[in-house]
Amino acid sequence: MTILVLDNPELIAKAAIAAGFAPAAFEAGSRRPHRMKFHYGFNKHSLDSEDLAFLKQHAAYLRQQPSVSVRVHGHSDNFGPEDYNRFLSRLRANAVAKTLVREGVPEHRILMTHWGASRPLATPEDHAANRRVELEYLTLDVARAL
């Protein structure tokens, strides 16, 4: 017997809707959004409207959960000099953090790191996958200890 495990919530939701199930309404802030990675175009540090909508869901969740903070990890691909890649990854992390602050998340609950190309998600040749920001949720106690 073969068992297929789907680890893509968007795909699962689309399949459920296609099968006739009614979509569940998302209550802002009621649960943590599933999407934790946001990808960028070459040499870009701004997000598209779909990504911004997910970030707003993250902000709503964080406003409802005062004991949770978030670490924003900025990354780049390996094109160009490492100094520039670190700078670009910092721009990406800053853009996400500013969006969260604009949406009402207190600044002291947002921690940022920027890695440049030093922590690829995929092989270094998979440039599109490596140009990203990742969110990591932390309790405030863990965040203070780091």
N, C-alpha and C. Protein backbone atom coordinates (compact mmCIF):
# COMPACT_ATOMS: atom_id res chain seq x y z
N MET A 1 0.84 -1.17 0.00
CA MET A 1 0.00 0.00 0.00
C MET A 1 0.89 1.23 0.00
N THR A 2 0.56 2.19 -0.81
CA THR A 2 1.29 3.45 -0.88
C THR A 2 0.46 4.53 -0.21
N ILE A 3 1.11 5.30 0.65
CA ILE A 3 0.44 6.40 1.34
C ILE A 3 1.08 7.70 0.89
N LEU A 4 0.28 8.61 0.41
CA LEU A 4 0.76 9.91 -0.03
C LEU A 4 0.50 10.92 1.08
N VAL A 5 1.55 11.58 1.53
CA VAL A 5 1.42 12.59 2.57
C VAL A 5 1.65 13.94 1.93
N LEU A 6 0.68 14.80 1.99
CA LEU A 6 0.80 16.15 1.44
C LEU A 6 1.21 17.10 2.55
N ASP A 7 2.29 17.82 2.30
CA ASP A 7 2.79 18.77 3.29
C ASP A 7 2.65 20.20 2.76
N ASN A 8 1.65 20.42 1.95
CA ASN A 8 1.43 21.74 1.38
C ASN A 8 0.01 22.16 1.72
N PRO A 9 -0.17 22.98 2.75
CA PRO A 9 -1.52 23.36 3.17
C PRO A 9 -2.35 24.03 2.07
N GLU A 10 -1.69 24.82 1.21
CA GLU A 10 -2.45 25.46 0.12
C GLU A 10 -3.00 24.42 -0.85
N LEU A 11 -2.19 23.43 -1.19
CA LEU A 11 -2.63 22.37 -2.10
C LEU A 11 -3.74 21.54 -1.47
N ILE A 12 -3.62 21.24 -0.18
CA ILE A 12 -4.66 20.49 0.52
C ILE A 12 -5.97 21.27 0.53
N ALA A 13 -5.90 22.58 0.78
CA ALA A 13 -7.11 23.41 0.79
C ALA A 13 -7.77 23.44 -0.58
N LYS A 14 -6.97 23.58 -1.63
CA LYS A 14 -7.53 23.60 -2.99
C LYS A 14 -8.20 22.26 -3.32
N ALA A 15 -7.57 21.17 -2.91
CA ALA A 15 -8.15 19.85 -3.17
C ALA A 15 -9.45 19.67 -2.40
N ALA A 16 -9.50 20.16 -1.16
CA ALA A 16 -10.72 20.04 -0.37
C ALA A 16 -11.86 20.85 -0.98
N ILE A 17 -11.56 22.05 -1.46
CA ILE A 17 -12.58 22.88 -2.10
C ILE A 17 -13.06 22.21 -3.38
N ALA A 18 -12.13 21.65 -4.16
CA ALA A 18 -12.50 20.96 -5.40
C ALA A 18 -13.38 19.74 -5.12
N ALA A 19 -13.19 19.12 -3.94
CA ALA A 19 -13.99 17.95 -3.57
C ALA A 19 -15.33 18.33 -2.98
N GLY A 20 -15.60 19.63 -2.83
CA GLY A 20 -16.90 20.06 -2.35
C GLY A 20 -16.96 20.50 -0.90
N PHE A 21 -15.83 20.48 -0.20
CA PHE A 21 -15.84 20.95 1.18
C PHE A 21 -15.82 22.46 1.20
N ALA A 22 -16.55 23.05 2.15
CA ALA A 22 -16.58 24.50 2.27
C ALA A 22 -15.29 24.97 2.92
N PRO A 23 -14.70 26.05 2.39
CA PRO A 23 -13.46 26.55 3.01
C PRO A 23 -13.74 27.11 4.39
N ALA A 24 -12.85 26.84 5.32
CA ALA A 24 -12.99 27.38 6.68
C ALA A 24 -12.57 28.84 6.66
N ALA A 25 -13.30 29.64 7.36
CA ALA A 25 -12.96 31.06 7.46
C ALA A 25 -11.77 31.22 8.39
N PHE A 26 -10.83 32.06 7.98
CA PHE A 26 -9.65 32.31 8.81
C PHE A 26 -9.95 33.48 9.73
N GLU A 27 -9.91 33.21 11.01
CA GLU A 27 -10.09 34.28 11.98
C GLU A 27 -8.74 34.90 12.22
N ALA A 28 -8.63 36.21 11.98
CA ALA A 28 -7.36 36.89 12.15
C ALA A 28 -6.83 36.67 13.55
N GLY A 29 -5.60 36.18 13.61
CA GLY A 29 -4.93 36.02 14.89
C GLY A 29 -5.26 34.74 15.63
N SER A 30 -6.20 33.92 15.15
CA SER A 30 -6.61 32.75 15.90
C SER A 30 -5.59 31.62 15.84
N ARG A 31 -4.85 31.52 14.76
CA ARG A 31 -3.82 30.48 14.66
C ARG A 31 -2.67 31.01 13.82
N ARG A 32 -1.53 30.42 14.04
CA ARG A 32 -0.34 30.88 13.32
C ARG A 32 -0.46 30.52 11.85
N PRO A 33 -0.21 31.46 10.96
CA PRO A 33 -0.24 31.15 9.53
C PRO A 33 0.80 30.09 9.20
N HIS A 34 0.50 29.26 8.22
CA HIS A 34 1.38 28.14 7.89
C HIS A 34 2.59 28.56 7.07
N ARG A 35 2.48 29.62 6.34
CA ARG A 35 3.58 30.01 5.45
C ARG A 35 4.65 30.76 6.22
N MET A 36 5.87 30.23 6.22
CA MET A 36 6.97 30.80 7.00
C MET A 36 8.11 31.30 6.13
N LYS A 37 8.09 31.03 4.83
CA LYS A 37 9.15 31.45 3.92
C LYS A 37 8.57 32.36 2.84
N PHE A 38 9.31 33.41 2.53
CA PHE A 38 8.90 34.37 1.51
C PHE A 38 10.07 34.54 0.55
N HIS A 39 9.82 34.30 -0.73
CA HIS A 39 10.89 34.32 -1.73
C HIS A 39 10.88 35.62 -2.52
N TYR A 40 12.06 35.96 -3.07
CA TYR A 40 12.28 37.24 -3.75
C TYR A 40 12.83 37.01 -5.15
N GLY A 41 12.62 38.01 -5.98
CA GLY A 41 13.23 38.01 -7.30
C GLY A 41 14.69 38.41 -7.19
N PHE A 42 15.41 38.26 -8.27
CA PHE A 42 16.83 38.61 -8.30
C PHE A 42 17.04 40.08 -7.95
N ASN A 43 17.90 40.33 -6.98
CA ASN A 43 18.28 41.67 -6.56
C ASN A 43 17.10 42.49 -6.04
N LYS A 44 16.07 41.84 -5.50
CA LYS A 44 14.87 42.51 -4.98
C LYS A 44 14.79 42.35 -3.48
N HIS A 45 14.13 43.32 -2.84
CA HIS A 45 13.89 43.21 -1.39
C HIS A 45 12.48 43.63 -1.00
N SER A 46 11.58 43.67 -1.99
CA SER A 46 10.18 43.97 -1.67
C SER A 46 9.32 42.75 -2.00
N LEU A 47 8.25 42.59 -1.22
CA LEU A 47 7.36 41.44 -1.38
C LEU A 47 6.17 41.79 -2.26
N ASP A 48 5.59 40.77 -2.86
CA ASP A 48 4.38 41.00 -3.66
C ASP A 48 3.16 41.03 -2.75
N SER A 49 2.00 41.31 -3.32
CA SER A 49 0.78 41.50 -2.52
C SER A 49 0.35 40.22 -1.80
N GLU A 50 0.55 39.06 -2.40
CA GLU A 50 0.19 37.80 -1.73
C GLU A 50 1.06 37.58 -0.49
N ASP A 51 2.36 37.85 -0.63
CA ASP A 51 3.26 37.72 0.52
C ASP A 51 2.88 38.70 1.62
N LEU A 52 2.54 39.93 1.24
CA LEU A 52 2.13 40.93 2.23
C LEU A 52 0.87 40.50 2.97
N ALA A 53 -0.05 39.85 2.28
CA ALA A 53 -1.26 39.35 2.93
C ALA A 53 -0.92 38.30 3.99
N PHE A 54 0.04 37.42 3.69
CA PHE A 54 0.47 36.43 4.68
C PHE A 54 1.16 37.10 5.85
N LEU A 55 1.97 38.11 5.58
CA LEU A 55 2.64 38.82 6.68
C LEU A 55 1.62 39.50 7.59
N LYS A 56 0.55 40.01 7.01
CA LYS A 56 -0.51 40.62 7.83
C LYS A 56 -1.17 39.57 8.73
N GLN A 57 -1.30 38.34 8.23
CA GLN A 57 -1.83 37.27 9.06
C GLN A 57 -0.87 36.95 10.21
N HIS A 58 0.43 36.95 9.92
CA HIS A 58 1.42 36.74 10.97
C HIS A 58 1.33 37.85 12.01
N ALA A 59 1.17 39.08 11.56
CA ALA A 59 1.06 40.21 12.49
C ALA A 59 -0.18 40.07 13.36
N ALA A 60 -1.30 39.67 12.77
CA ALA A 60 -2.52 39.47 13.55
C ALA A 60 -2.32 38.41 14.61
N TYR A 61 -1.65 37.33 14.24
CA TYR A 61 -1.38 36.26 15.20
C TYR A 61 -0.48 36.78 16.33
N LEU A 62 0.56 37.50 15.98
CA LEU A 62 1.49 38.01 16.99
C LEU A 62 0.82 39.02 17.93
N ARG A 63 -0.10 39.82 17.40
CA ARG A 63 -0.83 40.77 18.27
C ARG A 63 -1.68 40.03 19.29
N GLN A 64 -2.20 38.86 18.90
CA GLN A 64 -3.05 38.07 19.80
C GLN A 64 -2.23 37.21 20.77
N GLN A 65 -0.94 37.05 20.51
CA GLN A 65 -0.09 36.18 21.32
C GLN A 65 1.06 37.00 21.91
N PRO A 66 0.84 37.72 23.00
CA PRO A 66 1.88 38.61 23.53
C PRO A 66 3.10 37.89 24.09
N SER A 67 3.03 36.59 24.30
CA SER A 67 4.20 35.87 24.82
C SER A 67 5.07 35.29 23.70
N VAL A 68 4.74 35.59 22.46
CA VAL A 68 5.47 35.05 21.32
C VAL A 68 6.18 36.19 20.60
N SER A 69 7.42 35.93 20.21
CA SER A 69 8.14 36.88 19.37
C SER A 69 8.55 36.16 18.09
N VAL A 70 9.12 36.89 17.18
CA VAL A 70 9.48 36.30 15.89
C VAL A 70 10.90 36.73 15.53
N ARG A 71 11.64 35.79 14.98
CA ARG A 71 12.96 36.11 14.43
C ARG A 71 12.82 36.09 12.91
N VAL A 72 13.30 37.14 12.28
CA VAL A 72 13.24 37.28 10.82
C VAL A 72 14.64 36.99 10.28
N HIS A 73 14.75 35.92 9.50
CA HIS A 73 16.04 35.52 8.91
C HIS A 73 16.08 35.96 7.45
N GLY A 74 16.98 36.85 7.10
CA GLY A 74 17.15 37.28 5.73
C GLY A 74 18.24 36.48 5.04
N HIS A 75 17.99 36.08 3.79
CA HIS A 75 18.95 35.27 3.02
C HIS A 75 19.06 35.82 1.61
N SER A 76 20.14 35.44 0.93
CA SER A 76 20.32 35.80 -0.48
C SER A 76 20.89 34.59 -1.22
N ASP A 77 20.97 34.71 -2.54
CA ASP A 77 21.66 33.66 -3.29
C ASP A 77 23.15 33.99 -3.30
N ASN A 78 23.94 33.23 -4.05
CA ASN A 78 25.38 33.43 -4.03
C ASN A 78 25.91 34.23 -5.22
N PHE A 79 25.04 34.93 -5.94
CA PHE A 79 25.52 35.82 -7.01
C PHE A 79 26.17 37.04 -6.37
N GLY A 80 27.27 37.47 -6.89
CA GLY A 80 27.89 38.71 -6.42
C GLY A 80 28.73 38.54 -5.17
N PRO A 81 29.31 39.65 -4.71
CA PRO A 81 30.18 39.61 -3.52
C PRO A 81 29.39 39.35 -2.24
N GLU A 82 30.03 38.70 -1.28
CA GLU A 82 29.36 38.35 -0.02
C GLU A 82 28.90 39.59 0.74
N ASP A 83 29.66 40.67 0.71
CA ASP A 83 29.24 41.90 1.40
C ASP A 83 27.90 42.40 0.86
N TYR A 84 27.75 42.38 -0.46
CA TYR A 84 26.50 42.82 -1.05
C TYR A 84 25.37 41.86 -0.69
N ASN A 85 25.65 40.56 -0.71
CA ASN A 85 24.61 39.58 -0.37
C ASN A 85 24.14 39.74 1.07
N ARG A 86 25.06 40.02 2.00
CA ARG A 86 24.66 40.28 3.39
C ARG A 86 23.80 41.54 3.47
N PHE A 87 24.20 42.58 2.72
CA PHE A 87 23.43 43.82 2.69
C PHE A 87 22.02 43.57 2.16
N LEU A 88 21.91 42.82 1.06
CA LEU A 88 20.61 42.53 0.47
C LEU A 88 19.76 41.68 1.41
N SER A 89 20.36 40.71 2.10
CA SER A 89 19.59 39.91 3.04
C SER A 89 19.12 40.76 4.22
N ARG A 90 19.91 41.77 4.61
CA ARG A 90 19.48 42.69 5.68
C ARG A 90 18.31 43.55 5.20
N LEU A 91 18.37 44.03 3.95
CA LEU A 91 17.25 44.80 3.40
C LEU A 91 15.96 43.98 3.40
N ARG A 92 16.06 42.71 3.05
CA ARG A 92 14.89 41.83 3.01
C ARG A 92 14.32 41.63 4.42
N ALA A 93 15.18 41.37 5.39
CA ALA A 93 14.72 41.18 6.77
C ALA A 93 14.11 42.47 7.31
N ASN A 94 14.74 43.61 7.01
CA ASN A 94 14.21 44.90 7.47
C ASN A 94 12.84 45.20 6.87
N ALA A 95 12.64 44.87 5.60
CA ALA A 95 11.35 45.12 4.96
C ALA A 95 10.24 44.31 5.63
N VAL A 96 10.52 43.07 5.97
CA VAL A 96 9.53 42.22 6.65
C VAL A 96 9.26 42.77 8.05
N ALA A 97 10.33 43.13 8.77
CA ALA A 97 10.15 43.66 10.13
C ALA A 97 9.34 44.95 10.12
N LYS A 98 9.61 45.84 9.18
CA LYS A 98 8.86 47.10 9.09
C LYS A 98 7.39 46.84 8.80
N THR A 99 7.11 45.84 7.98
CA THR A 99 5.71 45.50 7.69
C THR A 99 5.02 45.01 8.96
N LEU A 100 5.68 44.15 9.72
CA LEU A 100 5.09 43.66 10.96
C LEU A 100 4.85 44.80 11.95
N VAL A 101 5.80 45.73 12.07
CA VAL A 101 5.64 46.88 12.97
C VAL A 101 4.48 47.75 12.51
N ARG A 102 4.39 48.00 11.20
CA ARG A 102 3.26 48.79 10.66
C ARG A 102 1.93 48.15 10.97
N GLU A 103 1.91 46.82 11.06
CA GLU A 103 0.68 46.08 11.35
C GLU A 103 0.43 45.92 12.84
N GLY A 104 1.23 46.57 13.68
CA GLY A 104 0.95 46.60 15.11
C GLY A 104 1.74 45.67 16.00
N VAL A 105 2.75 45.00 15.46
CA VAL A 105 3.60 44.13 16.29
C VAL A 105 4.65 45.03 16.96
N PRO A 106 4.77 44.97 18.27
CA PRO A 106 5.78 45.79 18.95
C PRO A 106 7.19 45.45 18.46
N GLU A 107 7.96 46.48 18.23
CA GLU A 107 9.30 46.32 17.68
C GLU A 107 10.20 45.42 18.53
N HIS A 108 10.04 45.47 19.85
CA HIS A 108 10.91 44.67 20.72
C HIS A 108 10.64 43.16 20.63
N ARG A 109 9.57 42.77 19.94
CA ARG A 109 9.27 41.34 19.77
C ARG A 109 9.74 40.81 18.42
N ILE A 110 10.47 41.63 17.68
CA ILE A 110 10.98 41.22 16.37
C ILE A 110 12.50 41.23 16.43
N LEU A 111 13.09 40.07 16.22
CA LEU A 111 14.55 39.93 16.17
C LEU A 111 14.94 39.67 14.73
N MET A 112 16.10 40.17 14.32
CA MET A 112 16.49 39.99 12.92
C MET A 112 17.89 39.42 12.81
N THR A 113 18.07 38.57 11.82
CA THR A 113 19.38 38.08 11.43
C THR A 113 19.47 38.17 9.92
N HIS A 114 20.66 38.36 9.43
CA HIS A 114 20.85 38.37 7.97
C HIS A 114 22.09 37.54 7.67
N TRP A 115 21.88 36.56 6.81
CA TRP A 115 22.88 35.53 6.57
C TRP A 115 23.59 35.66 5.23
N GLY A 116 23.15 36.52 4.36
CA GLY A 116 23.73 36.54 3.03
C GLY A 116 23.48 35.20 2.35
N ALA A 117 24.51 34.65 1.72
CA ALA A 117 24.39 33.37 1.03
C ALA A 117 24.92 32.21 1.85
N SER A 118 25.22 32.44 3.13
CA SER A 118 25.90 31.42 3.93
C SER A 118 25.00 30.27 4.38
N ARG A 119 23.69 30.40 4.29
CA ARG A 119 22.79 29.32 4.70
C ARG A 119 21.75 29.04 3.59
N PRO A 120 22.19 28.39 2.53
CA PRO A 120 21.25 28.13 1.43
C PRO A 120 20.16 27.14 1.85
N LEU A 121 18.96 27.36 1.33
CA LEU A 121 17.84 26.45 1.56
C LEU A 121 17.99 25.22 0.67
N ALA A 122 18.45 25.44 -0.53
CA ALA A 122 18.64 24.37 -1.51
C ALA A 122 20.11 24.39 -1.92
N THR A 123 20.43 23.74 -3.00
CA THR A 123 21.81 23.78 -3.48
C THR A 123 22.15 25.23 -3.85
N PRO A 124 23.42 25.61 -3.75
CA PRO A 124 23.78 26.99 -4.10
C PRO A 124 23.40 27.38 -5.53
N GLU A 125 23.27 26.38 -6.40
CA GLU A 125 22.88 26.67 -7.79
C GLU A 125 21.40 26.99 -7.93
N ASP A 126 20.59 26.65 -6.94
CA ASP A 126 19.15 26.94 -6.97
C ASP A 126 18.92 28.34 -6.40
N HIS A 127 19.28 29.32 -7.20
CA HIS A 127 19.30 30.71 -6.74
C HIS A 127 17.93 31.19 -6.27
N ALA A 128 16.88 30.87 -7.00
CA ALA A 128 15.54 31.37 -6.65
C ALA A 128 15.10 30.87 -5.27
N ALA A 129 15.41 29.63 -4.93
CA ALA A 129 15.01 29.09 -3.62
C ALA A 129 15.77 29.74 -2.48
N ASN A 130 16.98 30.19 -2.76
CA ASN A 130 17.83 30.75 -1.70
C ASN A 130 17.58 32.23 -1.43
N ARG A 131 16.90 32.92 -2.31
CA ARG A 131 16.56 34.34 -2.10
C ARG A 131 15.27 34.40 -1.30
N ARG A 132 15.40 34.54 0.04
CA ARG A 132 14.20 34.39 0.86
C ARG A 132 14.36 35.08 2.21
N VAL A 133 13.21 35.17 2.90
CA VAL A 133 13.15 35.51 4.32
C VAL A 133 12.37 34.39 4.98
N GLU A 134 12.84 33.95 6.14
CA GLU A 134 12.14 32.93 6.92
C GLU A 134 11.75 33.52 8.26
N LEU A 135 10.58 33.15 8.74
CA LEU A 135 10.12 33.56 10.06
C LEU A 135 10.28 32.38 11.01
N GLU A 136 10.74 32.67 12.21
CA GLU A 136 10.89 31.66 13.24
C GLU A 136 10.21 32.19 14.50
N TYR A 137 9.24 31.45 15.01
CA TYR A 137 8.52 31.88 16.21
C TYR A 137 9.28 31.43 17.46
N LEU A 138 9.33 32.32 18.45
CA LEU A 138 10.01 32.07 19.71
C LEU A 138 9.12 32.54 20.84
N THR A 139 9.24 31.90 21.99
CA THR A 139 8.61 32.49 23.17
C THR A 139 9.52 33.62 23.62
N LEU A 140 8.98 34.57 24.35
CA LEU A 140 9.81 35.69 24.77
C LEU A 140 10.95 35.23 25.66
N ASP A 141 10.76 34.20 26.47
CA ASP A 141 11.81 33.70 27.33
C ASP A 141 13.00 33.18 26.50
N VAL A 142 12.72 32.45 25.44
CA VAL A 142 13.77 31.94 24.58
C VAL A 142 14.46 33.10 23.86
N ALA A 143 13.68 34.06 23.38
CA ALA A 143 14.25 35.17 22.64
C ALA A 143 15.20 35.98 23.53
N ARG A 144 14.86 36.20 24.79
CA ARG A 144 15.73 36.96 25.69
C ARG A 144 17.00 36.20 26.00
N ALA A 145 16.93 34.87 26.05
CA ALA A 145 18.11 34.07 26.36
C ALA A 145 19.11 34.08 25.21
N LEU A 146 18.63 34.29 23.98
CA LEU A 146 19.53 34.29 22.83
C LEU A 146 20.20 35.62 22.76
